[in-house]
Amino acid sequence: MTQPETWNIDALDGGEHTLLTVPLGEWEAMLGGGPDRFVVTASAGGGTRIANARTLREDSDEEETVDLTVGGQGIDYPWEYVLTRDEALAAMTDIAAGELSGERWELIS
C-alpha cells in the first residue's frame, strides 16, 4: 500500500497541486481538490470499471454544487461527490482494501 495513513492528501492545496493518482492493487485512485474538500474516483480494468466516492453527509440540497479545482481545472461538482478530508481518507482506505460497496460508492461500470 502507498502511504496508507494519508496518501499524501496534504499535498493537495486546491490551487497549484490539485490531483494525485495512486495505484492501489487492481484500482487506480484519483484524489483531487484540496485543501479541505476533495473528490475520489477509482478505475480498474483499463477504465472498464469506474467508481465515485460519495459523501455520507445529508446537510446539502441535491441541486447544490461545489466549485473545486481538480487537475488544474475549476469544476462545479454536485455536493454528493465532495468529501471532507476524513471521508476522502476513508474512501482511499476502501479502495486499498478493494471494498467499493455500500452507500459511499457509486459504481459507474
N, C-alpha and C. Protein backbone atom coordinates (compact mmCIF):
# COMPACT_ATOMS: atom_id res chain seq x y z
N MET A 1 0.84 -1.18 0.00
CA MET A 1 0.00 0.00 0.00
C MET A 1 0.88 1.24 0.00
N THR A 2 0.40 2.28 -0.64
CA THR A 2 1.14 3.52 -0.73
C THR A 2 0.65 4.48 0.35
N GLN A 3 1.52 4.95 1.19
CA GLN A 3 1.19 5.91 2.25
C GLN A 3 -0.19 5.64 2.84
N PRO A 4 -0.39 4.52 3.50
CA PRO A 4 -1.73 4.11 3.92
C PRO A 4 -2.43 5.05 4.89
N GLU A 5 -1.71 5.91 5.56
CA GLU A 5 -2.39 6.77 6.52
C GLU A 5 -2.93 8.04 5.88
N THR A 6 -2.23 8.60 4.90
CA THR A 6 -2.68 9.88 4.33
C THR A 6 -2.66 9.93 2.81
N TRP A 7 -1.99 9.02 2.15
CA TRP A 7 -1.86 9.01 0.69
C TRP A 7 -1.44 10.38 0.16
N ASN A 8 -0.69 11.12 0.96
CA ASN A 8 -0.16 12.44 0.57
C ASN A 8 -1.25 13.48 0.33
N ILE A 9 -2.38 13.33 1.01
CA ILE A 9 -3.51 14.24 0.82
C ILE A 9 -3.15 15.68 1.16
N ASP A 10 -2.20 15.88 2.06
CA ASP A 10 -1.81 17.24 2.45
C ASP A 10 -1.10 17.99 1.33
N ALA A 11 -0.66 17.28 0.29
CA ALA A 11 -0.02 17.94 -0.85
C ALA A 11 -1.04 18.67 -1.72
N LEU A 12 -2.31 18.31 -1.59
CA LEU A 12 -3.35 18.95 -2.40
C LEU A 12 -3.76 20.27 -1.76
N ASP A 13 -3.48 21.36 -2.47
CA ASP A 13 -3.73 22.69 -1.91
C ASP A 13 -4.92 23.40 -2.55
N GLY A 14 -5.57 22.77 -3.52
CA GLY A 14 -6.72 23.38 -4.16
C GLY A 14 -6.38 24.47 -5.16
N GLY A 15 -5.10 24.71 -5.39
CA GLY A 15 -4.67 25.75 -6.31
C GLY A 15 -3.65 25.23 -7.30
N GLU A 16 -2.42 25.09 -6.83
CA GLU A 16 -1.34 24.64 -7.69
C GLU A 16 -1.27 23.11 -7.80
N HIS A 17 -1.50 22.42 -6.69
CA HIS A 17 -1.45 20.96 -6.65
C HIS A 17 -2.85 20.45 -6.35
N THR A 18 -3.49 19.86 -7.36
CA THR A 18 -4.91 19.53 -7.20
C THR A 18 -5.29 18.11 -7.60
N LEU A 19 -4.32 17.26 -7.94
CA LEU A 19 -4.65 15.90 -8.34
C LEU A 19 -3.51 14.94 -8.03
N LEU A 20 -3.86 13.83 -7.41
CA LEU A 20 -2.92 12.74 -7.15
C LEU A 20 -3.51 11.46 -7.74
N THR A 21 -2.68 10.67 -8.36
CA THR A 21 -3.09 9.36 -8.85
C THR A 21 -2.29 8.33 -8.08
N VAL A 22 -3.00 7.37 -7.49
CA VAL A 22 -2.35 6.38 -6.64
C VAL A 22 -2.78 4.98 -7.06
N PRO A 23 -1.84 4.13 -7.49
CA PRO A 23 -2.20 2.75 -7.80
C PRO A 23 -2.40 1.97 -6.49
N LEU A 24 -3.55 1.32 -6.38
CA LEU A 24 -3.88 0.54 -5.19
C LEU A 24 -4.43 -0.81 -5.62
N GLY A 25 -3.56 -1.80 -5.71
CA GLY A 25 -3.99 -3.12 -6.17
C GLY A 25 -4.48 -3.05 -7.60
N GLU A 26 -5.67 -3.59 -7.85
CA GLU A 26 -6.23 -3.55 -9.20
C GLU A 26 -6.79 -2.18 -9.57
N TRP A 27 -6.92 -1.29 -8.61
CA TRP A 27 -7.53 0.01 -8.81
C TRP A 27 -6.48 1.10 -8.98
N GLU A 28 -6.84 2.12 -9.73
CA GLU A 28 -6.06 3.35 -9.78
C GLU A 28 -6.98 4.43 -9.20
N ALA A 29 -6.56 5.00 -8.09
CA ALA A 29 -7.36 6.00 -7.41
C ALA A 29 -6.90 7.39 -7.80
N MET A 30 -7.88 8.28 -8.00
CA MET A 30 -7.59 9.68 -8.27
C MET A 30 -8.21 10.50 -7.15
N LEU A 31 -7.34 11.21 -6.46
CA LEU A 31 -7.73 12.05 -5.33
C LEU A 31 -7.49 13.49 -5.76
N GLY A 32 -8.55 14.29 -5.78
CA GLY A 32 -8.41 15.64 -6.29
C GLY A 32 -9.02 16.68 -5.38
N GLY A 33 -8.61 17.94 -5.59
CA GLY A 33 -9.15 19.06 -4.82
C GLY A 33 -8.16 19.58 -3.81
N GLY A 34 -8.66 19.81 -2.60
CA GLY A 34 -7.85 20.29 -1.51
C GLY A 34 -8.14 21.77 -1.23
N PRO A 35 -7.70 22.30 -0.14
CA PRO A 35 -7.10 21.62 1.00
C PRO A 35 -8.13 21.02 1.97
N ASP A 36 -9.42 21.44 1.83
CA ASP A 36 -10.44 20.98 2.77
C ASP A 36 -11.51 20.10 2.15
N ARG A 37 -11.66 20.19 0.84
CA ARG A 37 -12.70 19.43 0.15
C ARG A 37 -12.06 18.65 -1.01
N PHE A 38 -12.56 17.42 -1.22
CA PHE A 38 -11.90 16.51 -2.15
C PHE A 38 -12.93 15.71 -2.94
N VAL A 39 -12.46 15.13 -4.05
CA VAL A 39 -13.22 14.12 -4.79
C VAL A 39 -12.31 12.90 -4.93
N VAL A 40 -12.93 11.72 -4.94
CA VAL A 40 -12.18 10.48 -5.11
C VAL A 40 -12.89 9.64 -6.16
N THR A 41 -12.14 9.24 -7.17
CA THR A 41 -12.63 8.37 -8.24
C THR A 41 -11.63 7.23 -8.39
N ALA A 42 -12.14 6.05 -8.68
CA ALA A 42 -11.28 4.90 -8.88
C ALA A 42 -11.65 4.21 -10.19
N SER A 43 -10.63 3.69 -10.87
CA SER A 43 -10.90 2.93 -12.08
C SER A 43 -10.06 1.66 -12.08
N ALA A 44 -10.57 0.64 -12.76
CA ALA A 44 -9.87 -0.64 -12.87
C ALA A 44 -10.21 -1.24 -14.22
N GLY A 45 -9.46 -2.25 -14.59
CA GLY A 45 -9.72 -2.94 -15.84
C GLY A 45 -9.56 -2.05 -17.05
N GLY A 46 -8.54 -1.19 -17.03
CA GLY A 46 -8.32 -0.31 -18.17
C GLY A 46 -9.44 0.69 -18.38
N GLY A 47 -10.13 1.05 -17.29
CA GLY A 47 -11.22 2.02 -17.36
C GLY A 47 -12.59 1.40 -17.58
N THR A 48 -12.65 0.06 -17.58
CA THR A 48 -13.95 -0.59 -17.76
C THR A 48 -14.77 -0.60 -16.48
N ARG A 49 -14.11 -0.39 -15.35
CA ARG A 49 -14.81 -0.28 -14.06
C ARG A 49 -14.45 1.06 -13.45
N ILE A 50 -15.47 1.84 -13.11
CA ILE A 50 -15.27 3.17 -12.54
C ILE A 50 -16.18 3.32 -11.32
N ALA A 51 -15.64 3.92 -10.27
CA ALA A 51 -16.41 4.16 -9.06
C ALA A 51 -16.11 5.56 -8.53
N ASN A 52 -17.15 6.24 -8.10
CA ASN A 52 -17.02 7.56 -7.49
C ASN A 52 -17.43 7.48 -6.03
N ALA A 53 -16.62 8.08 -5.17
CA ALA A 53 -16.98 8.14 -3.75
C ALA A 53 -18.00 9.25 -3.55
N ARG A 54 -18.96 8.99 -2.65
CA ARG A 54 -19.99 9.98 -2.32
C ARG A 54 -19.91 10.31 -0.83
N THR A 55 -20.30 11.52 -0.51
CA THR A 55 -20.35 11.91 0.89
C THR A 55 -21.49 11.18 1.59
N LEU A 56 -21.33 10.96 2.86
CA LEU A 56 -22.41 10.39 3.66
C LEU A 56 -23.17 11.48 4.40
N ARG A 57 -22.72 12.74 4.23
CA ARG A 57 -23.42 13.87 4.85
C ARG A 57 -24.75 14.09 4.15
N GLU A 58 -25.72 14.54 4.88
CA GLU A 58 -27.03 14.81 4.30
C GLU A 58 -27.44 16.26 4.51
N ASP A 59 -26.46 17.15 4.68
CA ASP A 59 -26.76 18.53 5.05
C ASP A 59 -26.82 19.50 3.88
N SER A 60 -26.91 19.00 2.64
CA SER A 60 -26.93 19.89 1.49
C SER A 60 -28.10 19.56 0.57
N ASP A 61 -28.47 20.54 -0.21
CA ASP A 61 -29.53 20.41 -1.19
C ASP A 61 -29.03 19.60 -2.38
N GLU A 62 -29.86 18.75 -2.95
CA GLU A 62 -29.47 17.92 -4.09
C GLU A 62 -29.06 18.75 -5.30
N GLU A 63 -29.55 19.98 -5.38
CA GLU A 63 -29.24 20.84 -6.52
C GLU A 63 -27.92 21.61 -6.32
N GLU A 64 -27.38 21.60 -5.12
CA GLU A 64 -26.19 22.38 -4.80
C GLU A 64 -24.94 21.80 -5.46
N THR A 65 -24.07 22.69 -5.92
CA THR A 65 -22.78 22.28 -6.45
C THR A 65 -21.67 22.94 -5.64
N VAL A 66 -20.49 22.38 -5.72
CA VAL A 66 -19.33 22.90 -5.02
C VAL A 66 -18.22 23.09 -6.04
N ASP A 67 -17.64 24.28 -6.10
CA ASP A 67 -16.56 24.58 -7.03
C ASP A 67 -15.25 24.07 -6.45
N LEU A 68 -14.62 23.15 -7.18
CA LEU A 68 -13.32 22.60 -6.79
C LEU A 68 -12.40 22.68 -8.00
N THR A 69 -11.12 22.85 -7.73
CA THR A 69 -10.13 22.75 -8.79
C THR A 69 -9.49 21.38 -8.69
N VAL A 70 -9.61 20.62 -9.78
CA VAL A 70 -9.07 19.27 -9.85
C VAL A 70 -8.31 19.15 -11.16
N GLY A 71 -7.05 18.78 -11.07
CA GLY A 71 -6.24 18.68 -12.27
C GLY A 71 -6.05 20.01 -12.97
N GLY A 72 -6.07 21.09 -12.19
CA GLY A 72 -5.88 22.44 -12.73
C GLY A 72 -7.13 23.04 -13.35
N GLN A 73 -8.24 22.33 -13.31
CA GLN A 73 -9.49 22.79 -13.93
C GLN A 73 -10.54 23.04 -12.86
N GLY A 74 -11.16 24.22 -12.87
CA GLY A 74 -12.26 24.51 -11.95
C GLY A 74 -13.51 23.81 -12.43
N ILE A 75 -14.14 23.04 -11.54
CA ILE A 75 -15.32 22.25 -11.90
C ILE A 75 -16.36 22.41 -10.79
N ASP A 76 -17.62 22.54 -11.19
CA ASP A 76 -18.73 22.54 -10.24
C ASP A 76 -19.19 21.10 -10.04
N TYR A 77 -18.80 20.51 -8.91
CA TYR A 77 -19.17 19.14 -8.60
C TYR A 77 -20.50 19.13 -7.84
N PRO A 78 -21.38 18.18 -8.14
CA PRO A 78 -22.55 18.00 -7.28
C PRO A 78 -22.09 17.73 -5.86
N TRP A 79 -22.76 18.31 -4.88
CA TRP A 79 -22.32 18.22 -3.48
C TRP A 79 -22.12 16.79 -3.02
N GLU A 80 -22.87 15.84 -3.58
CA GLU A 80 -22.77 14.46 -3.10
C GLU A 80 -21.40 13.82 -3.36
N TYR A 81 -20.61 14.39 -4.28
CA TYR A 81 -19.29 13.85 -4.58
C TYR A 81 -18.16 14.59 -3.87
N VAL A 82 -18.49 15.62 -3.12
CA VAL A 82 -17.47 16.42 -2.45
C VAL A 82 -17.31 15.91 -1.02
N LEU A 83 -16.09 15.49 -0.72
CA LEU A 83 -15.80 14.82 0.54
C LEU A 83 -14.96 15.69 1.47
N THR A 84 -15.15 15.48 2.75
CA THR A 84 -14.26 16.07 3.74
C THR A 84 -12.94 15.31 3.69
N ARG A 85 -11.94 15.82 4.37
CA ARG A 85 -10.64 15.13 4.43
C ARG A 85 -10.81 13.72 4.98
N ASP A 86 -11.55 13.58 6.09
CA ASP A 86 -11.75 12.27 6.69
C ASP A 86 -12.50 11.32 5.76
N GLU A 87 -13.50 11.84 5.04
CA GLU A 87 -14.23 11.00 4.10
C GLU A 87 -13.33 10.56 2.94
N ALA A 88 -12.49 11.47 2.46
CA ALA A 88 -11.58 11.14 1.36
C ALA A 88 -10.59 10.06 1.80
N LEU A 89 -10.06 10.18 3.01
CA LEU A 89 -9.14 9.15 3.51
C LEU A 89 -9.84 7.81 3.70
N ALA A 90 -11.09 7.84 4.16
CA ALA A 90 -11.85 6.60 4.32
C ALA A 90 -12.11 5.96 2.95
N ALA A 91 -12.40 6.79 1.94
CA ALA A 91 -12.61 6.27 0.59
C ALA A 91 -11.34 5.63 0.05
N MET A 92 -10.20 6.26 0.29
CA MET A 92 -8.92 5.69 -0.15
C MET A 92 -8.65 4.37 0.56
N THR A 93 -8.99 4.28 1.82
CA THR A 93 -8.84 3.03 2.57
C THR A 93 -9.72 1.94 1.97
N ASP A 94 -10.96 2.31 1.58
CA ASP A 94 -11.85 1.36 0.91
C ASP A 94 -11.21 0.81 -0.36
N ILE A 95 -10.66 1.71 -1.17
CA ILE A 95 -10.04 1.30 -2.44
C ILE A 95 -8.87 0.35 -2.18
N ALA A 96 -8.03 0.72 -1.22
CA ALA A 96 -6.87 -0.12 -0.90
C ALA A 96 -7.30 -1.51 -0.46
N ALA A 97 -8.45 -1.60 0.21
CA ALA A 97 -8.97 -2.89 0.67
C ALA A 97 -9.81 -3.59 -0.40
N GLY A 98 -10.08 -2.90 -1.51
CA GLY A 98 -10.92 -3.47 -2.56
C GLY A 98 -12.38 -3.55 -2.18
N GLU A 99 -12.81 -2.68 -1.26
CA GLU A 99 -14.18 -2.69 -0.74
C GLU A 99 -14.95 -1.47 -1.22
N LEU A 100 -15.39 -1.48 -2.46
CA LEU A 100 -16.12 -0.34 -3.02
C LEU A 100 -17.61 -0.66 -3.08
N SER A 101 -18.20 -0.76 -1.92
CA SER A 101 -19.62 -1.08 -1.84
C SER A 101 -20.27 -0.19 -0.81
N GLY A 102 -21.54 -0.33 -0.64
CA GLY A 102 -22.26 0.44 0.36
C GLY A 102 -22.62 1.82 -0.12
N GLU A 103 -23.11 2.63 0.79
CA GLU A 103 -23.59 3.97 0.47
C GLU A 103 -22.51 4.90 -0.04
N ARG A 104 -21.26 4.70 0.37
CA ARG A 104 -20.18 5.61 -0.01
C ARG A 104 -19.88 5.56 -1.51
N TRP A 105 -20.15 4.45 -2.17
CA TRP A 105 -19.68 4.27 -3.54
C TRP A 105 -20.79 4.22 -4.57
N GLU A 106 -20.55 4.91 -5.67
CA GLU A 106 -21.41 4.83 -6.84
C GLU A 106 -20.59 4.11 -7.91
N LEU A 107 -21.02 2.91 -8.28
CA LEU A 107 -20.30 2.14 -9.30
C LEU A 107 -20.89 2.47 -10.65
N ILE A 108 -20.06 3.06 -11.52
CA ILE A 108 -20.50 3.50 -12.83
C ILE A 108 -20.51 2.33 -13.81
N SER A 109 -19.51 1.52 -13.77
CA SER A 109 -19.45 0.37 -14.68
C SER A 109 -18.66 -0.75 -14.05
